[in-house]
Protein backbone atom coordinates (compact mmCIF):
# COMPACT_ATOMS: atom_id res chain seq x y z
CA MET A 1 -164.89 94.05 103.85
CA ASN A 2 -163.50 91.91 101.04
CA HIS A 3 -159.61 92.87 101.39
CA ARG A 4 -157.12 91.95 98.73
CA ILE A 5 -153.47 90.39 99.53
CA SER A 6 -151.69 93.78 98.81
CA ASP A 7 -154.28 95.69 101.11
CA ILE A 8 -152.97 93.49 104.27
CA GLY A 9 -149.05 92.51 103.16
CA GLU A 10 -147.41 89.30 103.58
CA PHE A 11 -147.38 88.60 107.02
CA ASN A 12 -150.82 89.78 108.27
CA LEU A 13 -151.80 87.17 105.77
CA ILE A 14 -149.69 84.80 107.25
CA GLU A 15 -151.32 85.38 110.53
CA HIS A 16 -154.91 84.67 108.98
CA ILE A 17 -153.52 81.50 107.53
CA ALA A 18 -151.83 80.48 111.06
CA ARG A 19 -155.49 81.46 112.67
CA ILE A 20 -157.04 78.86 109.89
CA VAL A 21 -154.56 75.94 110.40
CA GLY A 22 -154.38 76.24 113.94
CA VAL A 23 -151.67 75.87 116.51
CA PRO A 24 -150.06 72.45 116.22
CA THR A 25 -151.07 70.08 119.23
CA ALA A 26 -149.03 67.13 118.30
CA ASP A 27 -146.25 66.36 121.05
CA ASP A 28 -143.85 65.84 117.95
CA ILE A 29 -144.61 69.55 116.34
CA ILE A 30 -141.97 71.88 118.36
CA VAL A 31 -142.37 75.35 116.12
CA GLY A 32 -145.04 75.55 113.35
CA ILE A 33 -145.57 78.42 111.35
CA GLY A 34 -143.73 81.66 112.12
CA ASP A 35 -140.12 80.96 112.02
CA ASP A 36 -137.25 80.30 109.51
CA THR A 37 -138.35 76.73 109.31
CA ALA A 38 -140.68 74.41 111.19
CA VAL A 39 -139.04 72.33 114.04
CA LEU A 40 -140.55 68.78 114.01
CA ARG A 41 -139.12 66.33 116.95
CA TRP A 42 -136.82 63.31 115.23
CA ASP A 43 -135.79 61.46 118.68
CA ALA A 44 -134.90 62.51 122.11
CA GLU A 45 -131.78 64.62 121.30
CA THR A 46 -132.63 65.78 117.54
CA CYS A 47 -135.09 67.75 115.84
CA LEU A 48 -136.09 67.68 112.22
CA LEU A 49 -136.28 71.19 110.17
CA ALA A 50 -138.54 71.81 107.34
CA THR A 51 -138.27 74.83 104.89
CA ILE A 52 -139.76 75.86 101.62
CA ASP A 53 -139.14 78.70 99.41
CA ALA A 54 -139.79 79.93 95.94
CA GLN A 55 -137.85 81.77 93.59
CA VAL A 56 -140.18 83.11 90.49
CA GLU A 57 -139.24 84.64 87.59
CA ALA A 58 -139.89 88.66 87.14
CA ILE A 59 -140.39 88.70 90.88
CA HIS A 60 -137.06 87.53 92.72
CA PHE A 61 -135.06 87.24 89.41
CA GLN A 62 -134.31 88.40 85.81
CA ARG A 63 -132.88 85.59 83.36
CA ASP A 64 -130.92 88.36 81.47
CA PHE A 65 -129.34 89.09 85.38
CA LEU A 66 -127.68 85.62 85.96
CA THR A 67 -126.64 82.41 84.18
CA PRO A 68 -128.59 79.22 84.94
CA GLU A 69 -126.30 77.90 87.14
CA ALA A 70 -126.05 80.50 89.05
CA LEU A 71 -130.09 80.58 89.42
CA GLY A 72 -129.97 77.16 90.32
CA HIS A 73 -127.33 77.85 93.25
CA ARG A 74 -129.51 80.80 94.15
CA ALA A 75 -132.67 79.01 94.34
CA LEU A 76 -131.25 76.27 96.75
CA ALA A 77 -128.91 78.80 98.78
CA VAL A 78 -132.03 80.63 100.04
CA ASN A 79 -133.24 77.53 101.25
CA LEU A 80 -130.03 76.60 103.20
CA SER A 81 -129.97 79.89 104.50
CA ASP A 82 -133.00 79.04 106.30
CA ILE A 83 -131.65 75.62 108.06
CA ALA A 84 -128.50 78.02 108.88
CA ALA A 85 -131.15 80.37 110.71
CA MET A 86 -132.04 77.17 112.91
CA GLY A 87 -128.22 76.37 113.67
CA GLY A 88 -128.74 73.26 111.96
CA THR A 89 -127.40 71.04 108.78
CA PRO A 90 -129.36 70.69 105.63
CA TRP A 91 -130.17 67.11 104.51
CA LEU A 92 -132.29 66.36 101.94
CA ALA A 93 -133.92 68.72 99.13
CA LEU A 94 -137.26 68.34 96.82
CA VAL A 95 -137.61 70.44 93.66
CA SER A 96 -140.63 71.85 92.11
CA LEU A 97 -140.23 73.40 88.90
CA VAL A 98 -142.69 75.30 86.65
CA ALA A 99 -141.43 76.37 83.11
CA PRO A 100 -142.63 77.44 80.02
CA PRO A 101 -142.95 74.59 77.15
CA GLU A 102 -140.18 76.39 75.08
CA THR A 103 -137.68 76.57 77.65
CA PRO A 104 -134.16 75.12 76.18
CA VAL A 105 -133.57 71.59 78.11
CA ALA A 106 -130.02 73.09 78.07
CA PHE A 107 -131.09 75.80 80.25
CA ILE A 108 -133.00 73.54 82.81
CA GLU A 109 -130.03 71.18 82.87
CA ALA A 110 -127.59 74.20 83.55
CA LEU A 111 -130.21 75.10 86.23
CA TYR A 112 -129.68 71.63 87.76
CA THR A 113 -126.12 71.64 87.68
CA GLY A 114 -125.89 74.95 89.74
CA MET A 115 -128.10 73.60 92.04
CA GLN A 116 -126.32 70.09 92.62
CA ARG A 117 -123.21 71.88 93.13
CA LEU A 118 -123.95 73.76 95.96
CA ALA A 119 -126.12 70.85 97.22
CA ALA A 120 -122.87 68.52 97.14
CA SER A 121 -120.89 71.21 98.85
CA ALA A 122 -123.44 71.49 101.65
CA GLY A 123 -123.86 67.63 102.03
CA VAL A 124 -127.14 67.78 100.86
CA ALA A 125 -128.85 65.16 98.66
CA ILE A 126 -131.69 66.19 95.94
CA VAL A 127 -134.17 63.37 96.09
CA GLY A 128 -136.96 64.30 93.90
CA GLY A 129 -139.62 66.88 93.13
CA ASN A 130 -142.15 67.89 90.44
CA MET A 131 -142.73 69.55 87.49
CA SER A 132 -145.43 71.45 85.46
CA LYS A 133 -145.61 74.21 82.70
CA GLY A 134 -146.42 77.76 83.49
CA ALA A 135 -146.14 81.03 82.00
CA HIS A 136 -143.01 81.89 84.02
CA LEU A 137 -140.26 80.03 85.54
CA VAL A 138 -140.63 78.98 89.23
CA ILE A 139 -138.25 76.87 91.48
CA ASP A 140 -140.03 76.07 94.52
CA ILE A 141 -137.60 73.96 96.67
CA ALA A 142 -138.05 72.25 100.08
CA VAL A 143 -135.07 71.11 102.25
CA LEU A 144 -135.20 68.98 105.34
CA GLY A 145 -132.43 69.30 107.80
CA ARG A 146 -131.53 68.49 111.31
CA VAL A 147 -129.88 69.76 114.44
CA ALA A 148 -129.49 68.70 117.99
CA ARG A 149 -132.08 69.78 120.20
CA ARG A 150 -129.79 71.70 122.54
CA HIS A 151 -128.35 73.46 119.74
CA LEU A 152 -131.84 74.90 118.16
CA LEU A 153 -131.63 78.44 117.99
CA LEU A 154 -135.41 80.16 117.06
CA ARG A 155 -136.37 83.76 116.57
CA ARG A 156 -137.66 84.04 120.12
CA GLY A 157 -135.20 84.11 122.89
CA ALA A 158 -133.12 87.43 123.15
CA ARG A 159 -133.19 89.18 126.15
CA PRO A 160 -132.69 92.72 127.24
CA GLY A 161 -129.10 93.56 127.57
CA ASP A 162 -128.30 90.85 125.07
CA LEU A 163 -125.89 92.17 122.12
CA LEU A 164 -127.23 92.27 118.52
CA CYS A 165 -124.58 90.74 116.14
CA VAL A 166 -124.20 89.82 112.41
CA THR A 167 -121.74 87.79 110.39
CA GLY A 168 -120.18 89.05 107.17
CA THR A 169 -121.00 92.20 105.49
CA LEU A 170 -124.31 94.12 104.49
CA GLY A 171 -125.90 95.55 101.59
CA ASP A 172 -123.73 93.91 99.00
CA ALA A 173 -126.41 91.96 97.24
CA ALA A 174 -128.31 95.31 97.05
CA GLY A 175 -125.20 96.87 95.64
CA GLY A 176 -125.12 94.06 93.20
CA LEU A 177 -128.71 94.47 92.13
CA GLN A 178 -127.94 98.28 91.67
CA LEU A 179 -125.41 97.19 89.01
CA LEU A 180 -127.55 95.13 87.13
CA LEU A 181 -130.51 97.72 86.81
CA ASN A 182 -127.82 100.81 86.26
CA PRO A 183 -125.27 98.35 84.28
CA THR A 184 -123.79 101.88 82.97
CA LEU A 185 -122.65 102.95 86.36
CA PRO A 186 -118.90 103.58 86.30
CA LEU A 187 -117.62 101.16 88.80
CA ASP A 188 -114.25 99.47 88.36
CA GLU A 189 -114.04 95.59 87.89
CA GLU A 190 -112.68 95.34 91.22
CA SER A 191 -115.46 96.42 93.08
CA ARG A 192 -118.10 95.29 90.61
CA ARG A 193 -117.38 91.50 90.65
CA PRO A 194 -117.72 90.88 94.53
CA LEU A 195 -121.22 92.68 94.27
CA LEU A 196 -122.57 90.94 91.51
CA ASN A 197 -121.31 87.69 93.07
CA ARG A 198 -122.83 88.28 96.26
CA PHE A 199 -125.91 89.02 94.65
CA ARG A 200 -126.11 85.89 92.04
CA THR A 201 -124.33 83.21 94.31
CA PRO A 202 -125.06 83.93 97.93
CA THR A 203 -123.34 81.69 100.65
CA PRO A 204 -125.59 80.40 103.10
CA ARG A 205 -123.78 80.77 106.31
CA LEU A 206 -123.89 76.95 107.37
CA ALA A 207 -120.69 76.40 109.31
CA GLU A 208 -120.73 79.62 111.18
CA SER A 209 -124.48 78.82 112.18
CA ARG A 210 -123.33 75.49 113.64
CA LEU A 211 -120.54 77.30 115.49
CA ILE A 212 -122.86 80.06 116.99
CA ALA A 213 -125.49 77.71 118.29
CA ALA A 214 -122.70 75.11 119.71
CA SER A 215 -121.46 77.96 121.54
CA GLY A 216 -124.42 77.96 123.87
CA HIS A 217 -124.31 81.54 124.31
CA ALA A 218 -126.77 82.86 121.40
CA THR A 219 -130.22 83.20 122.54
CA ALA A 220 -132.04 84.14 118.99
CA MET A 221 -131.19 83.98 115.56
CA LEU A 222 -132.59 84.29 112.02
CA ASP A 223 -131.14 85.18 108.29
CA ILE A 224 -131.24 88.27 106.83
CA SER A 225 -133.32 87.60 103.50
CA ASP A 226 -135.49 90.78 103.28
CA GLY A 227 -133.01 93.36 104.56
CA LEU A 228 -132.00 94.05 108.27
CA SER A 229 -134.58 96.51 109.14
CA SER A 230 -137.37 94.51 108.30
CA ASP A 231 -136.06 91.08 109.58
CA ILE A 232 -134.94 92.42 112.84
CA MET A 233 -138.47 93.10 113.43
CA HIS A 234 -139.60 89.20 113.36
CA LEU A 235 -137.05 88.67 115.67
CA CYS A 236 -138.06 91.50 118.30
CA ARG A 237 -141.66 90.63 118.01
CA ALA A 238 -141.09 86.94 118.43
CA SER A 239 -138.90 87.85 121.84
CA GLY A 240 -140.84 90.58 122.87
CA VAL A 241 -138.08 93.08 122.89
CA GLY A 242 -136.98 96.01 121.52
CA VAL A 243 -133.66 97.06 119.68
CA ARG A 244 -131.19 99.89 119.21
CA ILE A 245 -129.28 99.46 115.94
CA ASP A 246 -125.94 101.74 115.58
CA ALA A 247 -125.71 102.49 111.69
CA ALA A 248 -122.12 103.26 112.15
CA ARG A 249 -121.38 99.93 113.10
CA LEU A 250 -122.90 98.25 110.20
CA PRO A 251 -120.28 95.92 108.51
CA ILE A 252 -119.76 97.56 105.25
CA SER A 253 -117.63 96.17 102.28
CA PRO A 254 -115.17 97.83 100.55
CA ALA A 255 -116.88 97.24 97.08
CA LEU A 256 -119.92 98.83 98.39
CA ARG A 257 -118.88 102.19 99.52
CA PRO A 258 -117.79 103.55 95.55
CA LEU A 259 -120.92 102.25 94.46
CA ALA A 260 -122.97 103.78 97.22
CA ALA A 261 -121.40 107.35 96.40
CA HIS A 262 -122.40 106.85 92.87
CA ILE A 263 -126.14 106.12 93.67
CA ASP A 264 -126.06 109.11 96.04
CA THR A 265 -127.04 106.79 98.92
CA PRO A 266 -125.11 106.08 102.12
CA ALA A 267 -123.56 102.97 102.16
CA TRP A 268 -125.30 102.35 105.78
CA HIS A 269 -128.78 102.59 104.23
CA LEU A 270 -127.94 100.08 102.04
CA ALA A 271 -126.79 97.79 104.68
CA LEU A 272 -129.76 98.33 106.73
CA HIS A 273 -132.28 97.94 104.13
CA GLY A 274 -131.05 96.23 101.44
CA GLY A 275 -132.26 92.40 101.05
CA GLU A 276 -130.88 88.63 100.03
CA ASP A 277 -127.59 89.05 101.93
CA TYR A 278 -128.21 86.02 103.70
CA GLU A 279 -126.13 86.50 106.44
CA LEU A 280 -127.18 85.57 110.04
CA CYS A 281 -128.62 88.34 112.58
CA PHE A 282 -128.27 86.70 116.21
CA THR A 283 -128.22 87.85 119.71
CA LEU A 284 -125.25 87.22 122.33
CA ALA A 285 -124.86 87.37 125.90
CA PRO A 286 -122.46 90.25 126.20
CA HIS A 287 -119.70 88.15 127.89
CA ALA A 288 -119.41 85.73 125.16
CA VAL A 289 -119.14 88.08 122.11
CA GLU A 290 -115.40 88.06 121.82
CA SER A 291 -114.69 84.25 122.47
CA VAL A 292 -117.67 83.28 119.57
CA ALA A 293 -116.33 85.99 117.41
CA HIS A 294 -113.00 84.46 117.66
CA ARG A 295 -113.94 80.89 117.24
CA VAL A 296 -116.14 81.68 113.92
CA PHE A 297 -113.60 83.55 112.40
CA THR A 298 -110.60 81.27 113.04
CA THR A 299 -112.59 78.52 111.51
CA THR A 300 -114.46 79.87 108.75
CA GLY A 301 -112.80 83.34 108.32
CA THR A 302 -116.33 85.01 108.78
CA PRO A 303 -116.02 88.33 110.93
CA ILE A 304 -118.98 89.22 113.19
CA THR A 305 -119.82 92.41 114.12
CA VAL A 306 -121.93 94.08 117.01
CA ILE A 307 -124.28 96.55 115.61
CA GLY A 308 -126.61 97.04 118.31
CA GLU A 309 -128.46 96.03 121.63
CA ILE A 310 -131.53 94.30 122.70
CA ARG A 311 -133.87 96.64 124.70
CA PRO A 312 -136.90 96.29 126.72
CA ALA A 313 -139.94 95.98 124.57
CA GLU A 314 -141.57 99.45 125.93
CA GLU A 315 -138.44 101.25 124.42
CA GLY A 316 -139.28 100.42 120.85
CA CYS A 317 -137.24 99.54 118.11
CA LEU A 318 -134.69 102.23 117.29
CA VAL A 319 -131.69 103.00 114.85
CA ARG A 320 -128.90 105.52 115.55
CA THR A 321 -127.66 107.18 112.61
CA PRO A 322 -123.63 108.03 111.89
CA ASP A 323 -124.38 111.62 113.04
CA GLY A 324 -125.68 110.28 116.52
CA CYS A 325 -129.54 110.96 116.10
CA GLU A 326 -131.91 108.40 117.24
CA THR A 327 -134.99 107.80 115.04
CA PRO A 328 -137.57 105.07 114.84
CA LEU A 329 -136.49 102.05 112.92
CA GLU A 330 -138.63 101.59 109.95
CA PRO A 331 -138.66 98.29 107.98
CA LYS A 332 -137.89 99.27 104.80
CA GLY A 333 -136.68 95.86 103.12
CA TRP A 334 -138.40 93.95 100.87
CA ARG A 335 -142.06 93.33 100.50
CA HIS A 336 -143.98 90.26 98.77
CA PHE A 337 -147.29 92.24 98.24
């Protein structure tokens, strides 16, 4: 049967590709396809992290939704978040740009200004790239990072009994997107601004990830890009476990609640399924939660919240809604195809 990509979806397509390229056999390839980054051996104590991600006009962004500076920030931030998911430190970036010929030079300059600002703050050097013309703007960025091998965190490693934790608050980027799609929503500026900022200029949790990894108590980690309900499935599949998420414990910002009321959607629903928050989702041994959360908060100001528990695989993936009902967790986050 001649399937189309839309018939099988992104992750089945990745499995097809993985079968073609095969499992890496070289000793210096630790992780290939299947995690937030590839992991390569740098030396006896250090791993090299490699990731690549594209922002495609009319798919990932609309130009009238954000300034070119914010777009440059966003395009780099999503890659830095992948490095954070492994507990690593970003190092170098390569930028491949596709742009229509009529694009103003000033737009491209502003795009790279936003990118460079974030790169400088994260200690990243933009060392090259490529350019081509095309019908739509595409920003495709590859980032290399490094991590001490003893601090490396993967999607696999979670164990039944571990507690499921997240950094920051969830659903804000989805709230910001709702404001951009529905600009007449009657939300005050105090609530509107933080939601729009979370969508336009996300903050990769680099410092937080290094503290979590260095604690020695985290067992698995990834970043929340497609939405918690979708991304947690990757962690469960890789670790061979199930999960129970307590929706009432999802961390929700004060700005998101009035927005959710205006669009008649429970705030916890936006937190569970909304994507592009780029927070960290990770698992911890129960005895370590208090000390790790305290260290992260006192060092970075970012709170950590326990939102559930890792369960045996045979118990499946469940969500307990705020009214106490337990239902199968459905992945309703972003889907590329």
